[in-house]
Amino acid sequence: MRITVEERAAREVRRGHPWVFREALRGAPRAETGDVVTLVDANDTHLGVGLFDARSPLAVRVYDTAKSATLDTRAIARKIEAAFSRRDGWFDDARTNAYRLCNGEGDRVPGVVVDRYGDVAVARLDGDAIATRWAELAPMLATPLAKRGVRTLYLRREADGKGVKAEHVHGPEVHGAFDVVEEGMTMEVDVLRGQKTGAFLDQRDNRARVRAYAADRPRVLNLFSYTGGFSISAALGGATAVTSVDIASDAHATAQRIFRKNQVDTKPHRFVTADATAWVATAATKGERFDLVISDPPSFAPNAKSKGRALAAYAKLHRAAASLLEPGGVFCAASCSSHVTMEDFMSTLDDQALGRSDLVVRGAFGPPADHPTSAVFVEGRYLKLVVLS
């Protein structure tokens, strides 16, 4: 089926943007979810081919813009394998065996994420259109995964309003959390119940940065610490007293196991079960001071309408966190809100926002190399880490 799109959307597709929203379509297409559609502009000029979603505001995800392109399940499988191949040789699996194999829109395979955790891979699908292809697509991934030492595949997706469910696809089943390595550091992942596909792989490079920053900074604060990725990184880097603050006590139990698995004694370190925003707001009055502060909260802006409130929340949090930082210390502030740009985020870290004028931006970082994106797809550059000292 051919679908005509408005000129503004057509310009974005020509530039390489993979999304076409419903309001950009001319007329009401009689396509079903999962149907292959050909996009054209008002002059009937070819724009690309994609999968149609009859219910989502995001009506078409574009998979190819070549005029000769055809789109079927095998073509999608070839694109996923191309994403796998793109990463071949990037990692020494003896030191790092947990990384993203396919990054959806960023790898020109909209809606398909595949993460590797040792010999286990976890797929996540975004949108009903690609889900209609999964039963046919999944078996096609077994061979390219096996070539890379991956024996098991799971799919994680929403289960009828009952939260995220992990479905076994093929290979030996996983029965609980297991260990992977990241830059020689042992990490514990739970692909059945953990966040995202089991862990926050997008923060791998930033954990390495924290490990380096901690070398001469003994007192470290990790806000929204979850299972302690930044905490163990700081401890291995040389920090002698890491305070991890998170509202989930179960996450602290996992963090403590990870400390022990890395031969780090937990006794000098604190694991505080509390709302991190509330805790940091009162910590300064109790004389708390740190040489390195990490703030990595969950998304404050789940949609565009919440952006203003999110920026106010970031500014409040950052001011409180900065008040705990000793002169000469390092502040690492992160955001995973795609609706907040890097420049937006910087506005919550200027002198006025922080209430101090002795800090400068040491570096600003986005997602790591295994989370690529196209130049026009700003939504893929959701992750931000700003380092001030």
Protein backbone atom coordinates (compact mmCIF):
# COMPACT_ATOMS: atom_id res chain seq x y z
CA MET A 1 0.00 0.00 0.00
CA ARG A 2 1.16 3.52 -0.86
CA ILE A 3 0.69 6.27 1.72
CA THR A 4 1.19 9.96 1.06
CA VAL A 5 2.71 12.06 3.82
CA GLU A 6 2.76 15.80 4.42
CA GLU A 7 5.82 17.71 3.23
CA ARG A 8 7.26 18.43 6.67
CA ALA A 9 7.30 14.72 7.51
CA ALA A 10 8.59 13.92 4.03
CA ARG A 11 11.60 16.19 4.61
CA GLU A 12 12.39 14.35 7.84
CA VAL A 13 12.16 10.94 6.17
CA ARG A 14 14.49 12.13 3.42
CA ARG A 15 16.97 13.18 6.12
CA GLY A 16 16.80 9.69 7.64
CA HIS A 17 14.27 10.04 10.47
CA PRO A 18 12.60 6.67 11.05
CA TRP A 19 9.24 7.86 12.41
CA VAL A 20 6.09 9.18 10.73
CA PHE A 21 3.29 10.26 13.05
CA ARG A 22 -0.37 9.76 12.22
CA GLU A 23 -1.14 13.47 11.80
CA ALA A 24 1.42 13.59 8.96
CA LEU A 25 -0.52 11.07 6.84
CA ARG A 26 -2.82 12.25 4.08
CA GLY A 27 -6.13 10.46 4.32
CA ALA A 28 -6.96 7.41 6.40
CA PRO A 29 -5.00 4.38 5.17
CA ARG A 30 -6.86 1.06 5.14
CA ALA A 31 -3.80 -0.85 6.30
CA GLU A 32 -3.57 -3.28 9.19
CA THR A 33 -0.95 -3.30 11.93
CA GLY A 34 2.19 -4.97 10.59
CA ASP A 35 1.44 -4.26 6.93
CA VAL A 36 4.30 -3.11 4.71
CA VAL A 37 3.62 0.36 3.32
CA THR A 38 5.41 2.54 0.78
CA LEU A 39 5.68 6.22 1.66
CA VAL A 40 5.52 8.91 -1.01
CA ASP A 41 5.35 12.70 -0.95
CA ALA A 42 2.71 14.94 -2.51
CA ASN A 43 4.43 14.56 -5.90
CA ASP A 44 4.26 10.76 -5.61
CA THR A 45 8.05 10.61 -5.17
CA HIS A 46 9.29 7.57 -3.28
CA LEU A 47 10.38 8.20 0.32
CA GLY A 48 10.79 4.75 1.86
CA VAL A 49 9.19 1.53 3.07
CA GLY A 50 8.07 0.73 6.59
CA LEU A 51 5.66 -1.10 8.88
CA PHE A 52 2.25 0.37 9.64
CA ASP A 53 0.65 0.57 13.08
CA ALA A 54 -3.11 1.08 12.98
CA ARG A 55 -3.47 2.19 16.62
CA SER A 56 -0.32 4.04 17.61
CA PRO A 57 0.18 7.80 17.14
CA LEU A 58 3.48 6.67 15.59
CA ALA A 59 1.86 5.31 12.44
CA VAL A 60 4.85 4.19 10.36
CA ARG A 61 8.40 3.16 11.24
CA VAL A 62 10.67 3.46 8.23
CA TYR A 63 13.12 0.61 7.57
CA ASP A 64 14.63 1.61 4.23
CA THR A 65 14.61 4.63 1.94
CA ALA A 66 16.14 3.03 -1.17
CA LYS A 67 13.77 3.03 -4.11
CA SER A 68 14.59 -0.61 -4.85
CA ALA A 69 14.08 -1.74 -1.25
CA THR A 70 11.66 -4.50 -0.39
CA LEU A 71 10.57 -5.19 3.16
CA ASP A 72 9.71 -8.60 4.53
CA THR A 73 10.66 -10.51 7.66
CA ARG A 74 13.83 -11.91 6.10
CA ALA A 75 14.94 -8.39 5.14
CA ILE A 76 14.41 -7.29 8.76
CA ALA A 77 16.46 -10.28 9.96
CA ARG A 78 19.28 -9.28 7.60
CA LYS A 79 19.25 -5.77 9.05
CA ILE A 80 19.46 -7.15 12.59
CA GLU A 81 22.39 -9.36 11.62
CA ALA A 82 24.08 -6.34 10.05
CA ALA A 83 23.76 -4.62 13.43
CA PHE A 84 25.38 -7.65 15.09
CA SER A 85 28.21 -7.58 12.54
CA ARG A 86 28.78 -3.88 13.14
CA ARG A 87 29.87 -4.72 16.69
CA ASP A 88 32.16 -7.63 15.81
CA GLY A 89 35.60 -6.93 17.23
CA TRP A 90 34.48 -4.00 19.37
CA PHE A 91 34.74 -5.86 22.67
CA ASP A 92 37.12 -8.36 24.21
CA ASP A 93 34.53 -10.78 25.57
CA ALA A 94 36.94 -11.94 28.26
CA ARG A 95 36.75 -8.41 29.75
CA THR A 96 33.34 -7.16 28.58
CA ASN A 97 30.61 -9.59 27.54
CA ALA A 98 27.54 -7.42 28.17
CA TYR A 99 26.64 -4.94 25.43
CA ARG A 100 23.97 -3.96 22.93
CA LEU A 101 23.90 -5.97 19.71
CA CYS A 102 21.09 -4.07 17.99
CA ASN A 103 19.86 -0.59 18.91
CA GLY A 104 16.56 -0.33 17.09
CA GLU A 105 16.16 2.92 15.16
CA GLY A 106 19.83 3.71 15.71
CA ASP A 107 20.78 0.61 13.72
CA ARG A 108 18.08 1.24 11.09
CA VAL A 109 15.92 -1.55 12.55
CA PRO A 110 13.05 0.38 14.17
CA GLY A 111 11.49 -1.22 17.21
CA VAL A 112 14.07 -3.99 17.72
CA VAL A 113 16.59 -3.97 20.58
CA VAL A 114 18.85 -6.95 21.29
CA ASP A 115 21.20 -6.97 24.28
CA ARG A 116 23.90 -9.52 25.01
CA TYR A 117 24.72 -10.83 28.47
CA GLY A 118 27.41 -13.46 27.98
CA ASP A 119 25.78 -16.41 26.20
CA VAL A 120 22.27 -14.99 26.75
CA ALA A 121 20.57 -12.42 24.53
CA VAL A 122 17.42 -10.48 25.36
CA ALA A 123 15.24 -8.87 22.72
CA ARG A 124 12.81 -6.04 23.33
CA LEU A 125 10.20 -4.93 20.80
CA ASP A 126 8.74 -1.44 20.62
CA GLY A 127 5.40 -1.19 18.84
CA ASP A 128 2.74 -3.64 17.76
CA ALA A 129 3.81 -3.64 14.11
CA ILE A 130 7.15 -5.40 14.63
CA ALA A 131 5.51 -7.71 17.18
CA THR A 132 3.39 -9.21 14.39
CA ARG A 133 6.62 -10.42 12.77
CA TRP A 134 8.26 -11.89 15.88
CA ALA A 135 7.14 -15.52 15.53
CA GLU A 136 8.68 -15.65 12.05
CA LEU A 137 11.65 -13.43 12.90
CA ALA A 138 12.90 -15.13 16.09
CA PRO A 139 14.13 -18.39 14.49
CA MET A 140 16.11 -16.37 11.94
CA LEU A 141 18.22 -14.87 14.74
CA ALA A 142 19.42 -18.18 16.18
CA THR A 143 22.28 -18.73 13.73
CA PRO A 144 23.76 -15.18 13.77
CA LEU A 145 23.57 -15.22 17.57
CA ALA A 146 25.22 -18.65 17.80
CA LYS A 147 28.07 -17.43 15.58
CA ARG A 148 28.82 -14.93 18.35
CA GLY A 149 28.64 -17.42 21.21
CA VAL A 150 25.05 -16.66 22.25
CA ARG A 151 23.01 -19.79 22.93
CA THR A 152 19.88 -18.46 24.63
CA LEU A 153 17.34 -15.86 23.53
CA TYR A 154 14.58 -14.26 25.59
CA LEU A 155 11.96 -11.70 24.61
CA ARG A 156 10.85 -9.09 27.12
CA ARG A 157 7.57 -7.28 26.49
CA GLU A 158 4.47 -5.91 28.18
CA ALA A 159 2.09 -8.68 29.23
CA ASP A 160 -1.50 -7.39 29.01
CA GLY A 161 -1.03 -4.63 31.56
CA LYS A 162 0.69 -6.96 34.05
CA GLY A 163 4.15 -5.47 33.62
CA VAL A 164 7.09 -6.72 31.63
CA LYS A 165 7.32 -10.48 31.09
CA ALA A 166 10.36 -12.43 29.91
CA GLU A 167 9.48 -15.13 27.39
CA HIS A 168 11.93 -17.93 26.64
CA VAL A 169 12.53 -18.22 22.89
CA HIS A 170 15.33 -20.77 22.48
CA GLY A 171 18.40 -22.25 24.15
CA PRO A 172 19.06 -23.26 27.78
CA GLU A 173 16.71 -21.46 30.14
CA VAL A 174 17.86 -18.96 32.75
CA HIS A 175 16.55 -19.51 36.30
CA GLY A 176 17.81 -16.42 38.11
CA ALA A 177 20.42 -13.70 38.22
CA PHE A 178 23.86 -14.48 36.81
CA ASP A 179 27.22 -12.75 36.41
CA VAL A 180 28.72 -10.92 33.45
CA VAL A 181 31.91 -8.90 33.13
CA GLU A 182 32.34 -5.23 32.23
CA GLU A 183 35.87 -3.95 31.76
CA GLY A 184 37.02 -6.75 34.06
CA MET A 185 34.44 -5.86 36.73
CA THR A 186 31.88 -8.49 37.77
CA MET A 187 28.28 -7.36 37.38
CA GLU A 188 25.09 -9.24 38.26
CA VAL A 189 22.15 -9.17 35.85
CA ASP A 190 18.61 -10.47 36.02
CA VAL A 191 17.20 -10.79 32.51
CA LEU A 192 13.89 -12.08 33.86
CA ARG A 193 13.06 -9.29 36.32
CA GLY A 194 15.70 -6.54 36.04
CA GLN A 195 15.30 -3.07 34.57
CA LYS A 196 15.31 -2.68 30.78
CA THR A 197 16.62 -6.01 29.45
CA GLY A 198 18.43 -6.85 32.68
CA ALA A 199 20.89 -4.00 33.25
CA PHE A 200 21.66 -0.41 32.25
CA LEU A 201 24.16 -1.18 29.50
CA ASP A 202 24.07 2.40 28.25
CA GLN A 203 25.97 3.59 31.34
CA ARG A 204 28.96 1.27 30.80
CA ASP A 205 31.33 4.00 29.58
CA ASN A 206 30.18 6.32 32.34
CA ARG A 207 30.84 3.67 34.98
CA ALA A 208 34.40 3.49 33.64
CA ARG A 209 34.65 7.28 33.94
CA VAL A 210 33.48 7.16 37.55
CA ARG A 211 36.05 4.47 38.28
CA ALA A 212 38.78 6.79 36.99
CA TYR A 213 37.44 9.87 38.84
CA ALA A 214 37.39 7.95 42.14
CA ALA A 215 41.16 7.32 42.13
CA ASP A 216 41.96 10.27 44.42
CA ARG A 217 38.52 10.90 45.87
CA PRO A 218 37.85 8.69 48.89
CA ARG A 219 34.30 9.83 49.79
CA VAL A 220 31.70 9.11 47.10
CA LEU A 221 27.93 9.62 46.99
CA ASN A 222 25.82 7.66 44.49
CA LEU A 223 22.22 8.89 44.29
CA PHE A 224 19.54 6.61 42.79
CA SER A 225 22.12 3.84 43.09
CA TYR A 226 19.87 0.89 42.10
CA THR A 227 22.12 -2.21 42.05
CA GLY A 228 25.25 -0.16 42.62
CA GLY A 229 26.96 -0.05 39.23
CA PHE A 230 28.47 3.37 39.89
CA SER A 231 29.12 2.44 43.53
CA ILE A 232 31.25 -0.63 42.80
CA SER A 233 33.00 1.29 40.01
CA ALA A 234 33.99 3.99 42.50
CA ALA A 235 35.11 1.46 45.09
CA LEU A 236 37.26 -0.40 42.56
CA GLY A 237 38.66 2.94 41.44
CA GLY A 238 39.94 3.70 44.93
CA ALA A 239 37.07 5.24 46.91
CA THR A 240 37.21 4.10 50.52
CA ALA A 241 33.72 5.18 51.61
CA VAL A 242 30.86 5.00 49.11
CA THR A 243 27.34 6.00 50.16
CA SER A 244 24.65 4.46 47.95
CA VAL A 245 21.14 5.92 48.26
CA ASP A 246 18.10 4.24 46.72
CA ILE A 247 14.53 3.63 47.80
CA ALA A 248 14.70 -0.10 46.94
CA SER A 249 16.23 -2.24 49.67
CA ASP A 250 16.32 -5.27 47.34
CA ALA A 251 18.57 -3.31 45.00
CA HIS A 252 20.97 -2.70 47.90
CA ALA A 253 21.11 -6.43 48.58
CA THR A 254 22.15 -6.99 44.97
CA ALA A 255 24.72 -4.18 45.20
CA GLN A 256 26.26 -5.74 48.29
CA ARG A 257 26.56 -9.11 46.53
CA ILE A 258 28.29 -7.37 43.62
CA PHE A 259 30.74 -5.73 46.03
CA ARG A 260 31.62 -9.13 47.49
CA LYS A 261 31.92 -10.74 44.05
CA ASN A 262 34.54 -8.10 43.24
CA GLN A 263 36.39 -8.83 46.52
CA VAL A 264 35.39 -5.46 48.00
CA ASP A 265 34.50 -5.42 51.70
CA THR A 266 31.10 -3.77 52.22
CA LYS A 267 31.79 -2.66 55.80
CA PRO A 268 33.33 0.78 55.00
CA HIS A 269 30.45 1.57 52.65
CA ARG A 270 26.89 2.73 53.38
CA PHE A 271 23.71 1.51 51.71
CA VAL A 272 20.90 3.91 52.57
CA THR A 273 17.30 2.95 51.84
CA ALA A 274 15.57 6.28 51.26
CA ASP A 275 14.08 8.49 48.59
CA ALA A 276 17.24 9.97 47.08
CA THR A 277 15.69 13.37 46.34
CA ALA A 278 14.49 13.77 49.92
CA TRP A 279 17.73 12.42 51.40
CA VAL A 280 20.01 14.77 49.48
CA ALA A 281 17.85 17.77 50.38
CA THR A 282 18.61 17.34 54.08
CA ALA A 283 22.08 15.76 53.98
CA ALA A 284 23.97 19.07 53.94
CA THR A 285 22.41 20.13 57.24
CA LYS A 286 23.84 16.94 58.79
CA GLY A 287 27.37 17.76 57.70
CA GLU A 288 27.52 15.28 54.82
CA ARG A 289 30.33 16.09 52.36
CA PHE A 290 31.74 14.12 49.44
CA ASP A 291 34.64 14.26 46.99
CA LEU A 292 32.64 12.71 44.14
CA VAL A 293 28.87 12.88 43.68
CA ILE A 294 26.91 10.89 41.08
CA SER A 295 23.26 11.62 40.36
CA ASP A 296 21.48 9.24 37.95
CA PRO A 297 17.71 9.51 38.52
CA PRO A 298 14.96 7.81 36.51
CA SER A 299 13.42 9.85 33.73
CA PHE A 300 11.85 13.08 34.98
CA ALA A 301 10.20 13.79 31.59
CA PRO A 302 8.19 10.83 30.28
CA ASN A 303 6.58 13.09 27.66
CA ALA A 304 7.04 16.51 26.10
CA LYS A 305 4.39 18.13 28.34
CA SER A 306 6.38 17.26 31.46
CA LYS A 307 9.61 18.89 30.26
CA GLY A 308 9.17 22.11 32.26
CA ARG A 309 8.51 20.24 35.51
CA ALA A 310 11.44 17.94 34.76
CA LEU A 311 13.89 20.82 34.34
CA ALA A 312 12.72 22.32 37.63
CA ALA A 313 13.19 18.95 39.34
CA TYR A 314 16.68 18.53 37.87
CA ALA A 315 17.67 22.03 38.98
CA LYS A 316 16.45 21.41 42.53
CA LEU A 317 18.21 18.05 42.73
CA HIS A 318 21.46 19.37 41.26
CA ARG A 319 21.58 22.34 43.62
CA ALA A 320 21.14 20.06 46.62
CA ALA A 321 23.72 17.57 45.32
CA ALA A 322 26.25 20.33 44.59
CA SER A 323 25.91 21.60 48.16
CA LEU A 324 27.40 18.30 49.33
CA LEU A 325 30.44 18.52 47.07
CA GLU A 326 33.77 19.49 48.60
CA PRO A 327 35.91 22.13 46.82
CA GLY A 328 37.96 20.31 44.19
CA GLY A 329 35.39 17.53 43.95
CA VAL A 330 33.71 16.05 40.88
CA PHE A 331 29.97 16.12 40.16
CA CYS A 332 28.55 13.63 37.61
CA ALA A 333 24.95 14.47 36.68
CA ALA A 334 23.01 12.12 34.39
CA SER A 335 19.66 12.24 32.61
CA CYS A 336 17.85 9.56 30.62
CA SER A 337 14.98 11.85 29.54
CA SER A 338 14.77 11.97 25.74
CA HIS A 339 12.59 15.11 25.88
CA VAL A 340 15.40 17.00 27.66
CA THR A 341 18.21 18.00 25.30
CA MET A 342 21.82 18.37 26.35
CA GLU A 343 21.46 22.17 26.28
CA ASP A 344 18.29 21.93 28.38
CA PHE A 345 20.16 19.77 30.86
CA MET A 346 23.11 22.16 30.97
CA SER A 347 20.72 24.92 32.08
CA THR A 348 20.14 22.98 35.32
CA LEU A 349 23.90 22.90 35.96
CA ASP A 350 24.93 26.53 35.51
CA ASP A 351 26.19 28.72 38.36
CA GLN A 352 22.78 30.09 39.22
CA ALA A 353 21.18 26.64 39.26
CA LEU A 354 23.92 25.11 41.40
CA GLY A 355 24.37 28.06 43.73
CA ARG A 356 28.15 28.03 43.36
CA SER A 357 30.62 29.39 40.80
CA ASP A 358 33.68 27.21 41.23
CA LEU A 359 32.64 24.37 38.91
CA VAL A 360 33.25 24.07 35.17
CA VAL A 361 32.08 21.47 32.66
CA ARG A 362 34.80 18.88 32.33
CA GLY A 363 32.97 16.75 29.79
CA ALA A 364 29.53 16.05 28.34
CA PHE A 365 28.77 12.56 27.10
CA GLY A 366 25.96 10.74 25.32
CA PRO A 367 25.17 7.07 24.74
CA PRO A 368 28.09 4.66 24.12
CA ALA A 369 29.13 3.36 20.70
CA ASP A 370 27.00 0.22 20.92
CA HIS A 371 23.93 2.51 21.25
CA PRO A 372 24.32 4.35 17.91
CA THR A 373 21.84 6.70 16.31
CA SER A 374 21.41 8.48 13.00
CA ALA A 375 22.31 12.16 12.76
CA VAL A 376 18.68 13.27 12.55
CA PHE A 377 17.25 10.95 15.21
CA VAL A 378 17.73 13.15 18.28
CA GLU A 379 15.34 10.93 20.25
CA GLY A 380 18.07 8.28 20.25
CA ARG A 381 20.45 10.60 22.09
CA TYR A 382 18.41 10.38 25.29
CA LEU A 383 21.30 9.64 27.66
CA LYS A 384 23.38 12.52 28.96
CA LEU A 385 26.19 12.69 31.50
CA VAL A 386 27.73 16.04 32.42
CA VAL A 387 30.89 16.05 34.52
CA LEU A 388 31.77 19.19 36.49
CA SER A 389 34.77 19.85 38.68
